[in-house]
N, C-alpha and C. Protein backbone atom coordinates (compact mmCIF):
# COMPACT_ATOMS: atom_id res chain seq x y z
N MET A 1 0.84 -1.12 -0.02
CA MET A 1 0.04 -0.14 -0.02
C MET A 1 0.85 1.32 -0.06
N SER A 2 0.38 2.21 -0.68
CA SER A 2 1.16 3.49 -0.78
C SER A 2 1.31 4.20 0.62
N GLU A 3 2.31 4.84 0.75
CA GLU A 3 2.49 5.75 1.90
C GLU A 3 1.99 7.18 1.62
N ILE A 4 1.68 7.39 0.43
CA ILE A 4 1.23 8.79 0.07
C ILE A 4 -0.35 8.78 0.44
N THR A 5 -0.71 9.74 1.17
CA THR A 5 -2.10 9.95 1.44
C THR A 5 -2.60 11.30 1.22
N LEU A 6 -3.89 11.33 0.65
CA LEU A 6 -4.55 12.62 0.42
C LEU A 6 -4.99 13.12 1.83
N PRO A 7 -5.18 14.40 2.03
CA PRO A 7 -5.87 14.89 3.14
C PRO A 7 -7.27 14.43 3.04
N THR A 8 -8.10 14.40 4.17
CA THR A 8 -9.36 13.94 4.23
C THR A 8 -10.42 15.06 3.46
N TYR A 9 -11.38 14.59 2.98
CA TYR A 9 -12.42 15.34 2.15
C TYR A 9 -12.79 16.46 3.09
N GLN A 10 -13.21 16.28 4.42
CA GLN A 10 -13.52 17.18 5.34
C GLN A 10 -12.43 18.28 5.54
N ALA A 11 -11.14 17.75 5.60
CA ALA A 11 -10.09 18.88 5.72
C ALA A 11 -10.05 19.74 4.59
N VAL A 12 -10.14 19.25 3.41
CA VAL A 12 -10.09 20.13 2.29
C VAL A 12 -11.26 20.95 2.14
N GLU A 13 -12.43 20.55 2.53
CA GLU A 13 -13.66 21.24 2.47
C GLU A 13 -13.48 22.46 3.42
N SER A 14 -12.96 22.26 4.68
CA SER A 14 -12.86 23.25 5.55
C SER A 14 -11.84 24.26 5.06
N ALA A 15 -10.81 23.88 4.45
CA ALA A 15 -9.69 24.67 3.98
C ALA A 15 -10.18 25.54 2.90
N LEU A 16 -11.04 25.01 1.88
CA LEU A 16 -11.58 25.75 0.85
C LEU A 16 -12.55 26.85 1.36
N LYS A 17 -13.35 26.49 2.39
CA LYS A 17 -14.29 27.47 2.83
C LYS A 17 -13.51 28.53 3.58
N GLU A 18 -12.50 28.18 4.37
CA GLU A 18 -11.56 29.26 5.06
C GLU A 18 -11.00 30.15 4.05
N GLN A 19 -10.58 29.56 2.98
CA GLN A 19 -9.92 30.62 1.83
C GLN A 19 -10.96 31.25 1.02
N GLY A 20 -12.25 30.97 1.18
CA GLY A 20 -13.26 31.49 0.38
C GLY A 20 -13.31 31.07 -1.06
N LEU A 21 -12.92 29.94 -1.37
CA LEU A 21 -12.89 29.34 -2.68
C LEU A 21 -14.18 28.63 -3.02
N ALA A 22 -14.74 28.85 -4.24
CA ALA A 22 -15.96 28.24 -4.57
C ALA A 22 -15.90 26.97 -5.36
N ALA A 23 -15.33 26.00 -4.63
CA ALA A 23 -15.15 24.70 -5.25
C ALA A 23 -15.35 23.57 -4.19
N ALA A 24 -15.89 22.50 -4.50
CA ALA A 24 -15.98 21.34 -3.57
C ALA A 24 -14.69 20.63 -3.71
N PRO A 25 -14.34 19.79 -2.57
CA PRO A 25 -13.09 19.07 -2.65
C PRO A 25 -12.95 18.13 -3.82
N ALA A 26 -14.07 17.41 -4.06
CA ALA A 26 -14.01 16.50 -5.19
C ALA A 26 -13.82 17.24 -6.48
N GLU A 27 -14.42 18.40 -6.73
CA GLU A 27 -14.26 19.20 -7.96
C GLU A 27 -12.73 19.61 -8.09
N LEU A 28 -12.16 20.14 -7.06
CA LEU A 28 -10.88 20.67 -7.05
C LEU A 28 -9.83 19.45 -7.41
N HIS A 29 -10.09 18.36 -6.61
CA HIS A 29 -9.17 17.28 -6.92
C HIS A 29 -9.30 16.63 -8.19
N GLY A 30 -10.62 16.58 -8.75
CA GLY A 30 -10.79 16.05 -10.16
C GLY A 30 -10.00 17.02 -11.18
N LEU A 31 -10.21 18.32 -10.99
CA LEU A 31 -9.53 19.23 -11.83
C LEU A 31 -8.11 19.08 -11.92
N LEU A 32 -7.49 19.09 -10.66
CA LEU A 32 -5.99 18.91 -10.61
C LEU A 32 -5.56 17.50 -11.21
N SER A 33 -6.24 16.46 -10.84
CA SER A 33 -6.00 15.16 -11.46
C SER A 33 -6.08 15.16 -12.93
N GLY A 34 -7.13 15.83 -13.55
CA GLY A 34 -7.29 15.78 -15.04
C GLY A 34 -6.14 16.51 -15.65
N MET A 35 -5.78 17.69 -15.01
CA MET A 35 -4.68 18.47 -15.62
C MET A 35 -3.34 17.59 -15.55
N ILE A 36 -3.10 17.04 -14.42
CA ILE A 36 -1.82 16.22 -14.34
C ILE A 36 -1.88 15.06 -15.21
N CYS A 37 -2.98 14.47 -15.38
CA CYS A 37 -3.09 13.23 -16.31
C CYS A 37 -2.97 13.72 -17.67
N GLY A 38 -3.41 14.93 -18.03
CA GLY A 38 -3.19 15.58 -19.39
C GLY A 38 -1.95 16.00 -19.83
N GLY A 39 -1.07 15.97 -18.74
CA GLY A 39 0.48 16.47 -19.18
C GLY A 39 0.83 17.66 -18.57
N LEU A 40 0.05 18.28 -17.64
CA LEU A 40 0.53 19.52 -17.03
C LEU A 40 1.85 19.33 -16.31
N ALA A 41 2.70 20.29 -16.40
CA ALA A 41 4.09 20.30 -15.71
C ALA A 41 3.87 20.25 -14.26
N ILE A 42 4.47 19.25 -13.65
CA ILE A 42 4.30 19.20 -12.14
C ILE A 42 5.44 19.85 -11.42
N ASP A 43 6.29 20.38 -12.16
CA ASP A 43 7.61 20.94 -11.34
C ASP A 43 7.49 22.58 -11.29
N ASP A 44 6.30 23.06 -11.66
CA ASP A 44 6.16 24.57 -11.60
C ASP A 44 4.71 24.75 -11.10
N GLU A 45 4.23 25.99 -11.12
CA GLU A 45 2.94 26.32 -10.68
C GLU A 45 2.00 26.70 -11.77
N SER A 46 2.06 26.03 -12.99
CA SER A 46 1.23 26.30 -14.07
C SER A 46 -0.21 25.97 -13.69
N TRP A 47 -0.59 25.28 -12.57
CA TRP A 47 -1.84 25.04 -12.12
C TRP A 47 -2.51 26.18 -11.68
N VAL A 48 -1.80 27.19 -11.17
CA VAL A 48 -2.44 28.39 -10.50
C VAL A 48 -3.45 29.05 -11.32
N GLY A 49 -3.23 29.50 -12.55
CA GLY A 49 -4.21 30.18 -13.35
C GLY A 49 -5.49 29.39 -13.50
N PRO A 50 -5.49 28.12 -14.01
CA PRO A 50 -6.71 27.45 -14.17
C PRO A 50 -7.42 27.26 -12.80
N VAL A 51 -6.82 27.04 -11.76
CA VAL A 51 -7.50 26.82 -10.48
C VAL A 51 -8.13 28.13 -10.08
N SER A 52 -7.32 29.25 -10.28
CA SER A 52 -7.94 30.66 -9.85
C SER A 52 -9.27 30.78 -10.68
N ASP A 53 -9.17 30.37 -11.97
CA ASP A 53 -10.34 30.67 -12.76
C ASP A 53 -11.51 29.83 -12.39
N TYR A 54 -11.26 28.65 -12.07
CA TYR A 54 -12.21 27.62 -11.70
C TYR A 54 -12.86 27.82 -10.33
N ALA A 55 -12.03 28.12 -9.35
CA ALA A 55 -12.41 28.18 -7.95
C ALA A 55 -12.54 29.54 -7.35
N ASN A 56 -12.07 30.53 -8.07
CA ASN A 56 -11.96 31.94 -7.48
C ASN A 56 -12.19 32.94 -8.31
N GLU A 57 -13.14 32.71 -9.34
CA GLU A 57 -13.68 33.56 -10.35
C GLU A 57 -12.54 34.38 -11.06
N GLY A 58 -11.57 33.73 -11.26
CA GLY A 58 -10.35 34.45 -12.02
C GLY A 58 -9.57 35.35 -11.10
N GLU A 59 -9.87 35.54 -9.82
CA GLU A 59 -9.16 36.39 -8.95
C GLU A 59 -7.90 35.68 -8.49
N PRO A 60 -6.84 36.32 -8.09
CA PRO A 60 -5.65 35.73 -7.56
C PRO A 60 -5.82 34.94 -6.33
N LEU A 61 -5.09 33.82 -6.23
CA LEU A 61 -5.30 33.03 -4.94
C LEU A 61 -4.57 33.64 -3.88
N THR A 62 -5.00 33.59 -2.59
CA THR A 62 -4.32 34.04 -1.56
C THR A 62 -3.16 33.08 -1.21
N ASP A 63 -2.23 33.56 -0.41
CA ASP A 63 -1.01 32.59 -0.18
C ASP A 63 -1.58 31.37 0.54
N GLY A 64 -2.48 31.45 1.48
CA GLY A 64 -3.07 30.36 2.00
C GLY A 64 -3.58 29.44 1.23
N ALA A 65 -4.44 29.88 0.18
CA ALA A 65 -5.07 28.97 -0.76
C ALA A 65 -4.03 28.34 -1.65
N LYS A 66 -2.97 29.09 -2.02
CA LYS A 66 -1.95 28.47 -2.82
C LYS A 66 -1.27 27.38 -2.09
N THR A 67 -0.94 27.63 -0.86
CA THR A 67 -0.23 26.62 -0.08
C THR A 67 -1.15 25.37 0.03
N MET A 68 -2.46 25.57 0.37
CA MET A 68 -3.26 24.35 0.56
C MET A 68 -3.36 23.58 -0.76
N ILE A 69 -3.59 24.32 -1.87
CA ILE A 69 -3.90 23.60 -3.17
C ILE A 69 -2.51 23.01 -3.59
N ARG A 70 -1.39 23.70 -3.42
CA ARG A 70 -0.15 23.14 -3.74
C ARG A 70 0.10 21.82 -3.18
N SER A 71 -0.26 21.73 -1.88
CA SER A 71 -0.17 20.53 -1.06
C SER A 71 -0.96 19.36 -1.66
N LEU A 72 -2.25 19.73 -2.07
CA LEU A 72 -3.12 18.74 -2.74
C LEU A 72 -2.49 18.32 -4.07
N PHE A 73 -2.15 19.27 -4.83
CA PHE A 73 -1.49 18.98 -6.17
C PHE A 73 -0.33 18.02 -6.07
N THR A 74 0.63 18.44 -5.13
CA THR A 74 1.87 17.65 -4.86
C THR A 74 1.49 16.24 -4.58
N THR A 75 0.55 16.11 -3.65
CA THR A 75 0.21 14.68 -3.24
C THR A 75 -0.43 13.87 -4.33
N THR A 76 -1.18 14.64 -5.07
CA THR A 76 -1.87 13.96 -6.18
C THR A 76 -0.89 13.48 -7.22
N ALA A 77 0.05 14.38 -7.57
CA ALA A 77 1.12 14.05 -8.51
C ALA A 77 1.91 13.00 -8.15
N ASN A 78 2.37 13.08 -6.78
CA ASN A 78 3.22 11.96 -6.20
C ASN A 78 2.48 10.50 -6.24
N GLU A 79 1.30 10.66 -6.06
CA GLU A 79 0.49 9.26 -6.08
C GLU A 79 0.37 8.75 -7.39
N LEU A 80 0.13 9.69 -8.44
CA LEU A 80 0.05 9.25 -9.78
C LEU A 80 1.42 8.74 -10.42
N PHE A 81 2.49 9.39 -10.01
CA PHE A 81 3.83 8.97 -10.55
C PHE A 81 4.51 8.01 -9.58
N SER A 82 3.75 7.40 -8.56
CA SER A 82 4.50 6.41 -7.70
C SER A 82 4.83 5.12 -8.38
N GLY A 83 4.26 4.94 -9.60
CA GLY A 83 4.67 3.69 -10.32
C GLY A 83 3.77 2.53 -9.95
N GLY A 84 3.01 2.61 -9.05
CA GLY A 84 2.01 1.53 -8.67
C GLY A 84 0.65 1.86 -9.25
N PHE A 85 -0.28 1.05 -8.73
CA PHE A 85 -1.77 1.36 -9.24
C PHE A 85 -2.42 1.95 -7.96
N GLU A 86 -1.76 2.68 -7.21
CA GLU A 86 -2.45 3.34 -6.07
C GLU A 86 -2.88 4.73 -6.53
N PHE A 87 -4.12 5.06 -6.55
CA PHE A 87 -4.58 6.45 -6.77
C PHE A 87 -5.92 6.45 -6.06
N SER A 88 -6.13 7.50 -5.38
CA SER A 88 -7.29 7.79 -4.56
C SER A 88 -8.01 9.03 -5.03
N LEU A 89 -9.37 8.78 -5.11
CA LEU A 89 -10.22 9.95 -5.46
C LEU A 89 -10.64 10.61 -4.21
N LEU A 90 -10.54 11.98 -4.15
CA LEU A 90 -10.90 12.65 -2.92
C LEU A 90 -12.36 12.67 -2.84
N MET A 91 -13.02 11.88 -1.99
CA MET A 91 -14.40 11.69 -1.83
C MET A 91 -14.72 11.69 -0.45
N PRO A 92 -16.08 11.93 -0.17
CA PRO A 92 -16.58 11.88 1.28
C PRO A 92 -16.37 10.47 1.75
N ASP A 93 -16.29 10.36 3.14
CA ASP A 93 -16.03 9.12 3.68
C ASP A 93 -17.18 8.19 3.48
N ASP A 94 -16.93 6.84 3.68
CA ASP A 94 -17.90 5.86 3.48
C ASP A 94 -19.13 5.94 4.32
N ASP A 95 -19.05 6.58 5.50
CA ASP A 95 -20.21 6.75 6.45
C ASP A 95 -21.10 7.73 6.02
N GLU A 96 -20.84 8.62 5.03
CA GLU A 96 -21.66 9.55 4.46
C GLU A 96 -22.76 8.90 3.58
N SER A 97 -23.78 9.50 3.29
CA SER A 97 -24.92 9.00 2.46
C SER A 97 -24.34 8.66 1.17
N LEU A 98 -24.92 7.55 0.57
CA LEU A 98 -24.58 7.08 -0.79
C LEU A 98 -24.89 8.21 -1.82
N MET A 99 -25.98 8.96 -1.61
CA MET A 99 -26.39 10.12 -2.49
C MET A 99 -25.25 11.17 -2.51
N MET A 100 -24.71 11.52 -1.34
CA MET A 100 -23.66 12.41 -1.12
C MET A 100 -22.39 12.04 -1.80
N ARG A 101 -22.05 10.78 -1.69
CA ARG A 101 -20.85 10.24 -2.27
C ARG A 101 -21.11 10.18 -3.87
N ALA A 102 -22.23 9.80 -4.32
CA ALA A 102 -22.46 9.81 -5.72
C ALA A 102 -22.46 11.17 -6.42
N ASP A 103 -23.04 12.23 -5.60
CA ASP A 103 -22.86 13.54 -6.12
C ASP A 103 -21.38 14.06 -6.24
N ALA A 104 -20.56 13.60 -5.30
CA ALA A 104 -19.17 13.98 -5.17
C ALA A 104 -18.52 13.22 -6.31
N LEU A 105 -18.79 12.03 -6.63
CA LEU A 105 -18.20 11.25 -7.78
C LEU A 105 -18.53 11.95 -9.06
N THR A 106 -19.81 12.38 -9.23
CA THR A 106 -20.14 13.17 -10.40
C THR A 106 -19.39 14.37 -10.59
N GLU A 107 -19.22 15.19 -9.47
CA GLU A 107 -18.39 16.37 -9.50
C GLU A 107 -16.97 16.04 -9.84
N TRP A 108 -16.47 14.99 -9.25
CA TRP A 108 -14.94 14.67 -9.45
C TRP A 108 -14.74 14.29 -10.91
N VAL A 109 -15.69 13.47 -11.58
CA VAL A 109 -15.57 13.06 -12.94
C VAL A 109 -15.66 14.15 -13.92
N THR A 110 -16.61 15.04 -13.69
CA THR A 110 -16.87 16.13 -14.54
C THR A 110 -15.67 17.06 -14.57
N SER A 111 -15.17 17.29 -13.36
CA SER A 111 -14.00 18.26 -13.18
C SER A 111 -12.68 17.59 -13.77
N PHE A 112 -12.58 16.29 -13.68
CA PHE A 112 -11.42 15.57 -14.19
C PHE A 112 -11.52 15.82 -15.75
N ILE A 113 -12.68 15.56 -16.38
CA ILE A 113 -12.87 15.82 -17.84
C ILE A 113 -12.49 17.22 -18.09
N SER A 114 -12.95 18.23 -17.33
CA SER A 114 -12.54 19.61 -17.52
C SER A 114 -11.06 19.86 -17.48
N GLY A 115 -10.47 19.24 -16.52
CA GLY A 115 -8.95 19.34 -16.40
C GLY A 115 -8.27 18.90 -17.60
N LEU A 116 -8.63 17.76 -18.06
CA LEU A 116 -7.99 17.26 -19.30
C LEU A 116 -8.19 18.19 -20.41
N GLY A 117 -9.47 18.71 -20.51
CA GLY A 117 -9.77 19.62 -21.55
C GLY A 117 -8.94 20.91 -21.58
N LEU A 118 -8.55 21.22 -20.37
CA LEU A 118 -7.55 22.50 -20.26
C LEU A 118 -6.27 22.17 -20.83
N MET A 119 -5.92 20.98 -21.06
CA MET A 119 -4.57 20.55 -21.57
C MET A 119 -4.53 20.53 -23.08
N ASP A 120 -5.71 20.97 -23.63
CA ASP A 120 -5.69 21.20 -25.26
C ASP A 120 -5.29 19.89 -25.94
N LEU A 121 -5.82 18.78 -25.41
CA LEU A 121 -5.58 17.50 -26.20
C LEU A 121 -6.40 17.44 -27.48
N GLN A 122 -5.84 16.86 -28.48
CA GLN A 122 -6.32 16.67 -29.74
C GLN A 122 -7.13 15.36 -29.75
N LYS A 123 -8.41 15.34 -29.79
CA LYS A 123 -9.22 14.16 -29.72
C LYS A 123 -8.79 13.11 -30.72
N ASN A 124 -8.59 13.55 -31.99
CA ASN A 124 -8.21 12.69 -33.02
C ASN A 124 -6.82 12.11 -32.93
N GLN A 125 -6.03 12.46 -31.88
CA GLN A 125 -4.76 11.90 -31.60
C GLN A 125 -4.70 11.05 -30.40
N LEU A 126 -5.84 10.89 -29.71
CA LEU A 126 -5.87 10.03 -28.59
C LEU A 126 -5.93 8.51 -28.97
N SER A 127 -5.26 7.79 -28.17
CA SER A 127 -5.28 6.28 -28.37
C SER A 127 -6.69 5.83 -28.15
N GLU A 128 -6.94 4.55 -28.72
CA GLU A 128 -8.24 3.85 -28.48
C GLU A 128 -8.61 3.76 -26.99
N ALA A 129 -7.57 3.34 -26.23
CA ALA A 129 -7.76 3.19 -24.81
C ALA A 129 -8.17 4.42 -24.04
N VAL A 130 -7.58 5.59 -24.41
CA VAL A 130 -7.93 6.80 -23.71
C VAL A 130 -9.30 7.38 -24.17
N THR A 131 -9.50 7.13 -25.53
CA THR A 131 -10.82 7.57 -26.11
C THR A 131 -11.92 6.79 -25.38
N GLU A 132 -11.76 5.43 -25.19
CA GLU A 132 -12.72 4.67 -24.40
C GLU A 132 -12.86 5.09 -23.02
N ALA A 133 -11.81 5.32 -22.36
CA ALA A 133 -11.78 5.78 -20.92
C ALA A 133 -12.53 7.05 -20.73
N LEU A 134 -12.37 8.08 -21.76
CA LEU A 134 -13.10 9.32 -21.68
C LEU A 134 -14.58 9.09 -21.92
N ALA A 135 -14.98 8.09 -22.93
CA ALA A 135 -16.30 7.99 -23.19
C ALA A 135 -16.98 7.36 -21.87
N ASP A 136 -16.24 6.43 -21.30
CA ASP A 136 -16.75 5.84 -20.04
C ASP A 136 -16.99 6.94 -18.85
N LEU A 137 -16.01 7.81 -18.80
CA LEU A 137 -16.12 8.90 -17.72
C LEU A 137 -17.15 9.74 -18.05
N GLN A 138 -17.53 10.05 -19.28
CA GLN A 138 -18.58 10.98 -19.76
C GLN A 138 -19.93 10.34 -19.28
N GLU A 139 -19.91 8.99 -19.50
CA GLU A 139 -21.30 8.21 -19.13
C GLU A 139 -21.35 8.30 -17.69
N ILE A 140 -20.34 8.11 -16.91
CA ILE A 140 -20.31 7.94 -15.47
C ILE A 140 -20.87 9.29 -14.81
N ALA A 141 -20.26 10.42 -15.52
CA ALA A 141 -20.76 11.76 -15.02
C ALA A 141 -22.13 11.90 -15.09
N GLN A 142 -23.01 11.13 -15.79
CA GLN A 142 -24.36 11.21 -15.90
C GLN A 142 -25.19 10.31 -15.02
N LEU A 143 -24.48 9.46 -14.39
CA LEU A 143 -25.11 8.54 -13.45
C LEU A 143 -25.67 9.09 -12.28
N GLY A 144 -26.62 8.41 -11.51
CA GLY A 144 -27.11 8.84 -10.42
C GLY A 144 -27.72 7.71 -9.51
N ILE A 145 -28.09 7.99 -8.39
CA ILE A 145 -28.62 6.94 -7.50
C ILE A 145 -30.20 7.04 -7.48
N ASP A 146 -30.78 5.85 -7.77
CA ASP A 146 -32.24 5.86 -7.59
C ASP A 146 -32.55 5.47 -6.22
N GLU A 147 -33.28 6.27 -5.55
CA GLU A 147 -33.67 6.17 -4.22
C GLU A 147 -34.65 5.08 -3.91
N ASP A 148 -35.36 4.64 -5.11
CA ASP A 148 -36.34 3.56 -4.86
C ASP A 148 -35.66 2.25 -5.19
N ASP A 149 -34.47 2.08 -5.58
CA ASP A 149 -33.82 0.82 -5.78
C ASP A 149 -33.17 0.48 -4.45
N ASP A 150 -32.70 -0.84 -4.54
CA ASP A 150 -31.99 -1.43 -3.27
C ASP A 150 -30.80 -0.69 -2.91
N ILE A 151 -30.70 0.05 -1.92
CA ILE A 151 -29.51 0.88 -1.60
C ILE A 151 -28.28 0.05 -1.42
N GLU A 152 -28.30 -1.18 -0.92
CA GLU A 152 -27.11 -2.02 -0.62
C GLU A 152 -26.56 -2.34 -2.05
N GLU A 153 -27.48 -2.78 -2.97
CA GLU A 153 -27.03 -3.11 -4.22
C GLU A 153 -26.31 -2.00 -4.98
N GLN A 154 -26.90 -0.79 -4.85
CA GLN A 154 -26.44 0.37 -5.50
C GLN A 154 -25.07 0.77 -4.83
N ALA A 155 -24.92 0.54 -3.61
CA ALA A 155 -23.67 0.82 -2.97
C ALA A 155 -22.56 -0.02 -3.42
N ALA A 156 -22.92 -1.28 -3.65
CA ALA A 156 -21.82 -2.17 -4.24
C ALA A 156 -21.53 -1.89 -5.73
N LEU A 157 -22.60 -1.53 -6.47
CA LEU A 157 -22.31 -1.08 -7.88
C LEU A 157 -21.49 0.36 -7.78
N PHE A 158 -21.82 1.20 -6.90
CA PHE A 158 -21.11 2.36 -6.79
C PHE A 158 -19.48 2.17 -6.57
N GLU A 159 -19.30 1.23 -5.68
CA GLU A 159 -17.85 0.92 -5.47
C GLU A 159 -17.21 0.42 -6.78
N GLN A 160 -17.88 -0.30 -7.54
CA GLN A 160 -17.36 -0.85 -8.71
C GLN A 160 -17.14 0.37 -9.74
N VAL A 161 -18.02 1.26 -9.73
CA VAL A 161 -17.88 2.49 -10.64
C VAL A 161 -16.65 3.25 -10.16
N VAL A 162 -16.54 3.50 -8.94
CA VAL A 162 -15.39 4.22 -8.44
C VAL A 162 -14.04 3.47 -8.91
N GLU A 163 -13.98 2.26 -8.73
CA GLU A 163 -12.87 1.56 -9.19
C GLU A 163 -12.61 1.67 -10.60
N HIS A 164 -13.68 1.61 -11.42
CA HIS A 164 -13.54 1.86 -12.86
C HIS A 164 -12.89 3.35 -13.15
N VAL A 165 -13.47 4.29 -12.37
CA VAL A 165 -12.98 5.49 -12.58
C VAL A 165 -11.53 5.63 -12.34
N ARG A 166 -10.98 4.92 -11.23
CA ARG A 166 -9.53 4.92 -10.91
C ARG A 166 -8.81 4.40 -12.04
N MET A 167 -9.25 3.27 -12.66
CA MET A 167 -8.56 2.61 -13.80
C MET A 167 -8.60 3.50 -15.06
N CYS A 168 -9.69 4.24 -15.31
CA CYS A 168 -9.70 5.27 -16.43
C CYS A 168 -8.74 6.33 -16.21
N VAL A 169 -8.61 6.86 -14.96
CA VAL A 169 -7.60 7.91 -14.66
C VAL A 169 -6.18 7.37 -14.87
N LEU A 170 -5.91 6.13 -14.36
CA LEU A 170 -4.55 5.62 -14.58
C LEU A 170 -4.23 5.35 -15.95
N SER A 171 -5.24 4.97 -16.76
CA SER A 171 -5.00 4.77 -18.16
C SER A 171 -4.76 6.13 -18.89
N CYS A 172 -5.46 7.14 -18.63
CA CYS A 172 -5.21 8.37 -19.22
C CYS A 172 -3.85 8.92 -18.73
N HIS A 173 -3.47 8.76 -17.51
CA HIS A 173 -2.19 9.25 -16.94
C HIS A 173 -1.06 8.52 -17.64
N SER A 174 -1.19 7.20 -17.81
CA SER A 174 -0.09 6.46 -18.40
C SER A 174 0.27 6.87 -19.80
N GLU A 175 -0.81 7.31 -20.56
CA GLU A 175 -0.57 7.70 -22.00
C GLU A 175 -0.38 9.19 -22.22
N LEU A 176 -0.89 10.03 -21.22
CA LEU A 176 -0.88 11.51 -21.59
C LEU A 176 -0.07 12.28 -20.58
N GLY A 177 0.11 11.70 -19.47
CA GLY A 177 0.80 12.34 -18.32
C GLY A 177 2.28 12.71 -18.61
N GLN A 178 2.80 13.78 -18.10
CA GLN A 178 4.11 14.24 -18.26
C GLN A 178 5.09 13.24 -17.49
N ARG A 179 6.11 12.94 -18.16
CA ARG A 179 7.11 12.07 -17.40
C ARG A 179 8.03 12.95 -16.55
N PRO A 180 8.18 12.56 -15.30
CA PRO A 180 9.12 13.32 -14.44
C PRO A 180 10.55 13.36 -15.03
N VAL A 181 11.21 14.46 -14.78
CA VAL A 181 12.59 14.49 -15.36
C VAL A 181 13.47 13.54 -14.37
N ALA A 182 14.25 12.76 -15.01
CA ALA A 182 15.09 12.00 -14.14
C ALA A 182 16.12 12.77 -13.39
N GLU A 183 16.42 12.44 -12.18
CA GLU A 183 17.41 13.13 -11.35
C GLU A 183 18.82 13.06 -11.99
N ASP A 184 19.18 11.87 -12.56
CA ASP A 184 20.45 11.71 -13.15
C ASP A 184 20.31 11.93 -14.67
N THR A 185 20.85 13.16 -15.02
CA THR A 185 20.55 13.48 -16.51
C THR A 185 21.85 13.26 -17.34
N GLU A 186 22.73 12.53 -16.78
CA GLU A 186 23.90 12.20 -17.44
C GLU A 186 23.58 11.10 -18.46
N GLU A 187 24.06 11.31 -19.80
CA GLU A 187 23.67 10.44 -20.91
C GLU A 187 24.40 9.20 -20.73
N LYS A 188 23.59 8.05 -20.87
CA LYS A 188 23.93 6.76 -20.81
C LYS A 188 24.27 6.24 -22.30
N PRO A 189 25.18 5.35 -22.49
CA PRO A 189 25.47 4.78 -23.72
C PRO A 189 24.29 3.81 -24.10
N THR A 190 23.98 3.74 -25.39
CA THR A 190 22.95 2.99 -25.84
C THR A 190 23.56 1.57 -26.19
N LEU A 191 22.97 0.55 -25.72
CA LEU A 191 23.45 -0.82 -25.93
C LEU A 191 22.71 -1.44 -27.10
N HIS A 192 23.37 -2.10 -27.99
CA HIS A 192 22.78 -2.53 -29.27
C HIS A 192 22.93 -4.09 -29.16
């Protein structure tokens, strides 16, 4: 299991309110994840402009907001680049209602797609796997919970959908995400 852990949904929610930002934790994490998976540079602060536009009506972020978001951005990037299949979506705890978690998943997925869109990807140049993942994510963004159906069954299905979203994210990242610069930049001889 990865030692990289996201802050809790509640902690991010409190920090966003404290900083006066108009975004839910799932939205912000989805946006950041989408931009990272779409190839955003992770070694600078090129995320600041899009996040300001998205969560702060284009106004500059306060130092406190930047620090909080930078921490979430760094944790998310570290998790994606860890080399494993560990990736967590910032979602409400399992003890929250299924409706609340489903709404957060919809927000997360919609914002992830927006984050990818900010990276100016050319749809006609995407691989079949990424195109399929994006189509699945667009469908997932439209899903909802039917209060009249069996909630336990829907909870189990919800967990499967969350797992599928994780796999779609990892698929997008593996093909589109920026590769971190190697610490050792010394050229190695090519073996033939």
